[in-house]
Amino acid sequence: MLEAEASLLTDMHGNLYVTVSLINRGDAPAVSVQILHAMLGLASPTTNTPIQMDVIPAGCAVSAYLMFPRSSGASGSLTSLRISGAHEAGSFCSAIPVVLP
């Protein structure tokens, strides 16, 4: 089972940089992992998807980096980061509540 965590930073132009960590909570490796879609509130990333993450061993995490436009929301506002993707054994979808920096 894959779980997602996220951390957010902003640059001096207001662009949002999101580090997404996918954690393999299962007993076997997750093979051919890729992030297919991402949304921060109503905004799509400026980073191209899909993002290929290959293999995530059991009990390990792999990170991917996404950039979103400053129009994603006001600093301090609560929104949702939605991540969905697939791997050899199925698919995953996470909605992570985040406060915009």
N, C-alpha and C. Protein backbone atom coordinates (compact mmCIF):
# COMPACT_ATOMS: atom_id res chain seq x y z
N MET A 1 0.84 -1.17 0.00
CA MET A 1 0.00 0.00 0.00
C MET A 1 0.89 1.25 0.00
N LEU A 2 0.61 2.18 -0.87
CA LEU A 2 1.37 3.42 -0.95
C LEU A 2 0.62 4.55 -0.25
N GLU A 3 1.34 5.30 0.57
CA GLU A 3 0.80 6.49 1.22
C GLU A 3 1.61 7.69 0.75
N ALA A 4 0.98 8.84 0.72
CA ALA A 4 1.68 10.05 0.28
C ALA A 4 1.76 11.06 1.42
N GLU A 5 2.90 11.74 1.49
CA GLU A 5 3.11 12.87 2.39
C GLU A 5 3.64 14.02 1.54
N ALA A 6 3.46 15.24 2.02
CA ALA A 6 3.91 16.39 1.22
C ALA A 6 4.45 17.50 2.10
N SER A 7 5.40 18.24 1.56
CA SER A 7 5.86 19.48 2.17
C SER A 7 5.90 20.54 1.08
N LEU A 8 5.63 21.78 1.46
CA LEU A 8 5.53 22.87 0.50
C LEU A 8 6.48 24.01 0.85
N LEU A 9 7.03 24.61 -0.19
CA LEU A 9 7.86 25.81 -0.08
C LEU A 9 7.42 26.78 -1.16
N THR A 10 7.73 28.04 -0.98
CA THR A 10 7.44 29.03 -2.01
C THR A 10 8.71 29.79 -2.35
N ASP A 11 8.80 30.25 -3.60
CA ASP A 11 9.96 31.05 -3.99
C ASP A 11 9.60 32.53 -3.94
N MET A 12 10.56 33.39 -4.26
CA MET A 12 10.32 34.84 -4.18
C MET A 12 9.30 35.34 -5.20
N HIS A 13 8.96 34.50 -6.18
CA HIS A 13 7.95 34.87 -7.17
C HIS A 13 6.57 34.34 -6.81
N GLY A 14 6.48 33.58 -5.71
CA GLY A 14 5.21 33.04 -5.27
C GLY A 14 4.89 31.66 -5.80
N ASN A 15 5.78 31.09 -6.64
CA ASN A 15 5.55 29.73 -7.12
C ASN A 15 5.68 28.75 -5.97
N LEU A 16 4.86 27.71 -5.99
CA LEU A 16 4.86 26.71 -4.92
C LEU A 16 5.59 25.46 -5.36
N TYR A 17 6.51 25.01 -4.53
CA TYR A 17 7.26 23.79 -4.78
C TYR A 17 6.81 22.75 -3.77
N VAL A 18 6.38 21.62 -4.28
CA VAL A 18 5.84 20.56 -3.43
C VAL A 18 6.73 19.33 -3.54
N THR A 19 7.18 18.84 -2.40
CA THR A 19 7.89 17.57 -2.35
C THR A 19 6.86 16.52 -1.94
N VAL A 20 6.64 15.55 -2.80
CA VAL A 20 5.70 14.46 -2.52
C VAL A 20 6.52 13.22 -2.23
N SER A 21 6.33 12.64 -1.06
CA SER A 21 6.99 11.40 -0.71
C SER A 21 5.97 10.27 -0.74
N LEU A 22 6.24 9.26 -1.54
CA LEU A 22 5.39 8.07 -1.57
C LEU A 22 6.06 7.01 -0.70
N ILE A 23 5.32 6.52 0.28
CA ILE A 23 5.84 5.57 1.25
C ILE A 23 5.18 4.22 1.00
N ASN A 24 6.00 3.20 0.82
CA ASN A 24 5.48 1.85 0.61
C ASN A 24 5.28 1.18 1.96
N ARG A 25 4.03 1.07 2.40
CA ARG A 25 3.68 0.46 3.68
C ARG A 25 3.44 -1.05 3.54
N GLY A 26 3.61 -1.58 2.34
CA GLY A 26 3.37 -2.99 2.10
C GLY A 26 4.57 -3.86 2.42
N ASP A 27 4.41 -5.16 2.15
CA ASP A 27 5.47 -6.15 2.42
C ASP A 27 6.30 -6.47 1.19
N ALA A 28 5.92 -5.94 0.04
CA ALA A 28 6.62 -6.23 -1.21
C ALA A 28 6.96 -4.92 -1.91
N PRO A 29 7.93 -4.94 -2.81
CA PRO A 29 8.25 -3.72 -3.54
C PRO A 29 7.07 -3.26 -4.42
N ALA A 30 6.91 -1.95 -4.54
CA ALA A 30 5.95 -1.39 -5.49
C ALA A 30 6.74 -1.12 -6.76
N VAL A 31 6.33 -1.75 -7.85
CA VAL A 31 7.10 -1.73 -9.10
C VAL A 31 6.39 -0.86 -10.14
N SER A 32 7.16 -0.17 -10.95
CA SER A 32 6.67 0.70 -12.03
C SER A 32 5.73 1.79 -11.49
N VAL A 33 6.14 2.42 -10.41
CA VAL A 33 5.33 3.47 -9.78
C VAL A 33 5.42 4.75 -10.59
N GLN A 34 4.27 5.38 -10.80
CA GLN A 34 4.26 6.68 -11.46
C GLN A 34 3.12 7.53 -10.93
N ILE A 35 3.40 8.82 -10.79
CA ILE A 35 2.36 9.79 -10.47
C ILE A 35 1.75 10.22 -11.78
N LEU A 36 0.45 10.02 -11.91
CA LEU A 36 -0.24 10.35 -13.16
C LEU A 36 -0.88 11.73 -13.13
N HIS A 37 -1.45 12.12 -11.98
CA HIS A 37 -2.16 13.39 -11.87
C HIS A 37 -1.87 14.02 -10.52
N ALA A 38 -1.88 15.34 -10.48
CA ALA A 38 -1.73 16.09 -9.24
C ALA A 38 -2.52 17.38 -9.35
N MET A 39 -3.12 17.78 -8.25
CA MET A 39 -3.84 19.05 -8.18
C MET A 39 -3.60 19.65 -6.81
N LEU A 40 -3.37 20.95 -6.76
CA LEU A 40 -3.26 21.69 -5.51
C LEU A 40 -4.43 22.65 -5.49
N GLY A 41 -5.45 22.31 -4.71
CA GLY A 41 -6.71 23.04 -4.80
C GLY A 41 -7.27 22.82 -6.19
N LEU A 42 -7.46 23.89 -6.94
CA LEU A 42 -7.97 23.78 -8.32
C LEU A 42 -6.86 23.93 -9.36
N ALA A 43 -5.62 24.05 -8.90
CA ALA A 43 -4.50 24.31 -9.82
C ALA A 43 -3.79 23.02 -10.22
N SER A 44 -3.45 22.95 -11.49
CA SER A 44 -2.64 21.85 -12.01
C SER A 44 -1.17 22.24 -11.89
N PRO A 45 -0.29 21.25 -11.78
CA PRO A 45 1.13 21.58 -11.68
C PRO A 45 1.69 22.08 -13.00
N THR A 46 2.73 22.88 -12.92
CA THR A 46 3.45 23.28 -14.12
C THR A 46 4.48 22.21 -14.48
N THR A 47 4.73 21.29 -13.56
CA THR A 47 5.60 20.14 -13.80
C THR A 47 4.86 19.15 -14.69
N ASN A 48 5.54 18.59 -15.67
CA ASN A 48 4.91 17.60 -16.54
C ASN A 48 4.65 16.30 -15.81
N THR A 49 3.48 15.73 -16.02
CA THR A 49 3.17 14.39 -15.52
C THR A 49 2.90 13.51 -16.72
N PRO A 50 3.11 12.22 -16.66
CA PRO A 50 3.41 11.44 -15.46
C PRO A 50 4.85 11.58 -15.02
N ILE A 51 5.07 11.29 -13.72
CA ILE A 51 6.41 11.27 -13.14
C ILE A 51 6.71 9.82 -12.80
N GLN A 52 7.74 9.30 -13.43
CA GLN A 52 8.14 7.91 -13.23
C GLN A 52 8.99 7.81 -11.97
N MET A 53 8.60 6.92 -11.04
CA MET A 53 9.34 6.74 -9.80
C MET A 53 9.93 5.34 -9.69
N ASP A 54 9.68 4.49 -10.67
CA ASP A 54 10.24 3.15 -10.75
C ASP A 54 9.87 2.27 -9.56
N VAL A 55 10.84 1.76 -8.81
CA VAL A 55 10.58 0.80 -7.74
C VAL A 55 10.71 1.47 -6.37
N ILE A 56 9.73 1.21 -5.49
CA ILE A 56 9.82 1.65 -4.10
C ILE A 56 9.86 0.39 -3.24
N PRO A 57 11.01 0.08 -2.64
CA PRO A 57 11.09 -1.12 -1.81
C PRO A 57 10.13 -1.06 -0.62
N ALA A 58 9.75 -2.22 -0.11
CA ALA A 58 8.87 -2.29 1.06
C ALA A 58 9.51 -1.53 2.22
N GLY A 59 8.71 -0.70 2.89
CA GLY A 59 9.19 0.06 4.03
C GLY A 59 9.99 1.30 3.68
N CYS A 60 10.11 1.63 2.42
CA CYS A 60 10.91 2.78 1.98
C CYS A 60 10.03 3.85 1.34
N ALA A 61 10.64 4.99 1.11
CA ALA A 61 9.95 6.11 0.47
C ALA A 61 10.80 6.66 -0.67
N VAL A 62 10.12 7.21 -1.65
CA VAL A 62 10.77 7.89 -2.77
C VAL A 62 10.06 9.22 -2.95
N SER A 63 10.81 10.27 -3.27
CA SER A 63 10.23 11.60 -3.41
C SER A 63 10.20 12.06 -4.86
N ALA A 64 9.19 12.86 -5.15
CA ALA A 64 9.07 13.54 -6.44
C ALA A 64 8.82 15.01 -6.15
N TYR A 65 9.11 15.84 -7.13
CA TYR A 65 9.01 17.28 -6.93
C TYR A 65 8.06 17.86 -7.98
N LEU A 66 7.12 18.67 -7.50
CA LEU A 66 6.13 19.31 -8.37
C LEU A 66 6.17 20.82 -8.14
N MET A 67 5.89 21.57 -9.17
CA MET A 67 5.79 23.02 -9.04
C MET A 67 4.39 23.43 -9.45
N PHE A 68 3.80 24.34 -8.67
CA PHE A 68 2.48 24.86 -8.95
C PHE A 68 2.55 26.38 -9.07
N PRO A 69 1.65 26.99 -9.86
CA PRO A 69 1.68 28.45 -10.03
C PRO A 69 1.22 29.16 -8.76
N ARG A 70 1.60 30.42 -8.65
CA ARG A 70 1.20 31.20 -7.47
C ARG A 70 -0.30 31.38 -7.38
N SER A 71 -1.02 31.16 -8.47
CA SER A 71 -2.48 31.26 -8.46
C SER A 71 -3.14 30.08 -7.75
N SER A 72 -2.34 29.19 -7.14
CA SER A 72 -2.87 28.03 -6.44
C SER A 72 -3.66 28.39 -5.19
N GLY A 73 -3.42 29.58 -4.65
CA GLY A 73 -4.15 30.01 -3.46
C GLY A 73 -3.35 31.00 -2.65
N ALA A 74 -4.02 31.61 -1.69
CA ALA A 74 -3.40 32.63 -0.85
C ALA A 74 -2.56 31.99 0.25
N SER A 75 -1.48 32.64 0.59
CA SER A 75 -0.63 32.18 1.67
C SER A 75 -1.44 32.04 2.95
N GLY A 76 -1.25 30.92 3.64
CA GLY A 76 -1.98 30.67 4.89
C GLY A 76 -3.31 29.97 4.71
N SER A 77 -3.76 29.80 3.47
CA SER A 77 -5.05 29.14 3.26
C SER A 77 -4.91 27.62 3.27
N LEU A 78 -5.95 26.96 3.74
CA LEU A 78 -6.01 25.51 3.80
C LEU A 78 -6.58 25.00 2.48
N THR A 79 -5.91 24.05 1.88
CA THR A 79 -6.39 23.45 0.64
C THR A 79 -6.01 21.98 0.63
N SER A 80 -6.25 21.32 -0.48
CA SER A 80 -5.95 19.89 -0.58
C SER A 80 -5.00 19.63 -1.74
N LEU A 81 -3.99 18.82 -1.48
CA LEU A 81 -3.11 18.32 -2.54
C LEU A 81 -3.60 16.92 -2.88
N ARG A 82 -4.03 16.75 -4.12
CA ARG A 82 -4.52 15.44 -4.57
C ARG A 82 -3.50 14.83 -5.52
N ILE A 83 -3.11 13.61 -5.21
CA ILE A 83 -2.12 12.88 -5.99
C ILE A 83 -2.73 11.53 -6.37
N SER A 84 -2.63 11.16 -7.65
CA SER A 84 -3.07 9.83 -8.05
C SER A 84 -2.05 9.24 -9.01
N GLY A 85 -1.99 7.93 -9.01
CA GLY A 85 -1.03 7.27 -9.86
C GLY A 85 -1.28 5.78 -9.94
N ALA A 86 -0.29 5.08 -10.46
CA ALA A 86 -0.43 3.65 -10.68
C ALA A 86 0.90 2.95 -10.45
N HIS A 87 0.80 1.66 -10.24
CA HIS A 87 1.97 0.79 -10.17
C HIS A 87 1.54 -0.57 -10.68
N GLU A 88 2.47 -1.49 -10.75
CA GLU A 88 2.21 -2.79 -11.36
C GLU A 88 1.04 -3.54 -10.71
N ALA A 89 0.84 -3.35 -9.40
CA ALA A 89 -0.18 -4.10 -8.68
C ALA A 89 -1.49 -3.33 -8.52
N GLY A 90 -1.59 -2.11 -9.04
CA GLY A 90 -2.83 -1.36 -8.89
C GLY A 90 -2.64 0.13 -9.01
N SER A 91 -3.42 0.87 -8.23
CA SER A 91 -3.37 2.32 -8.30
C SER A 91 -3.41 2.90 -6.89
N PHE A 92 -3.18 4.20 -6.80
CA PHE A 92 -3.25 4.88 -5.51
C PHE A 92 -3.82 6.27 -5.72
N CYS A 93 -4.41 6.81 -4.67
CA CYS A 93 -4.97 8.16 -4.70
C CYS A 93 -4.90 8.70 -3.28
N SER A 94 -4.38 9.91 -3.13
CA SER A 94 -4.28 10.53 -1.82
C SER A 94 -4.77 11.96 -1.89
N ALA A 95 -5.45 12.40 -0.86
CA ALA A 95 -5.83 13.80 -0.69
C ALA A 95 -5.21 14.25 0.63
N ILE A 96 -4.26 15.17 0.54
CA ILE A 96 -3.49 15.60 1.70
C ILE A 96 -3.87 17.04 2.02
N PRO A 97 -4.41 17.31 3.21
CA PRO A 97 -4.69 18.70 3.56
C PRO A 97 -3.37 19.44 3.79
N VAL A 98 -3.24 20.62 3.19
CA VAL A 98 -2.02 21.42 3.31
C VAL A 98 -2.39 22.89 3.54
N VAL A 99 -1.51 23.57 4.25
CA VAL A 99 -1.62 25.03 4.41
C VAL A 99 -0.59 25.64 3.48
N LEU A 100 -1.02 26.54 2.61
CA LEU A 100 -0.10 27.15 1.65
C LEU A 100 0.85 28.10 2.36
N PRO A 101 2.15 27.99 2.02
CA PRO A 101 3.14 28.86 2.69
C PRO A 101 3.03 30.30 2.23
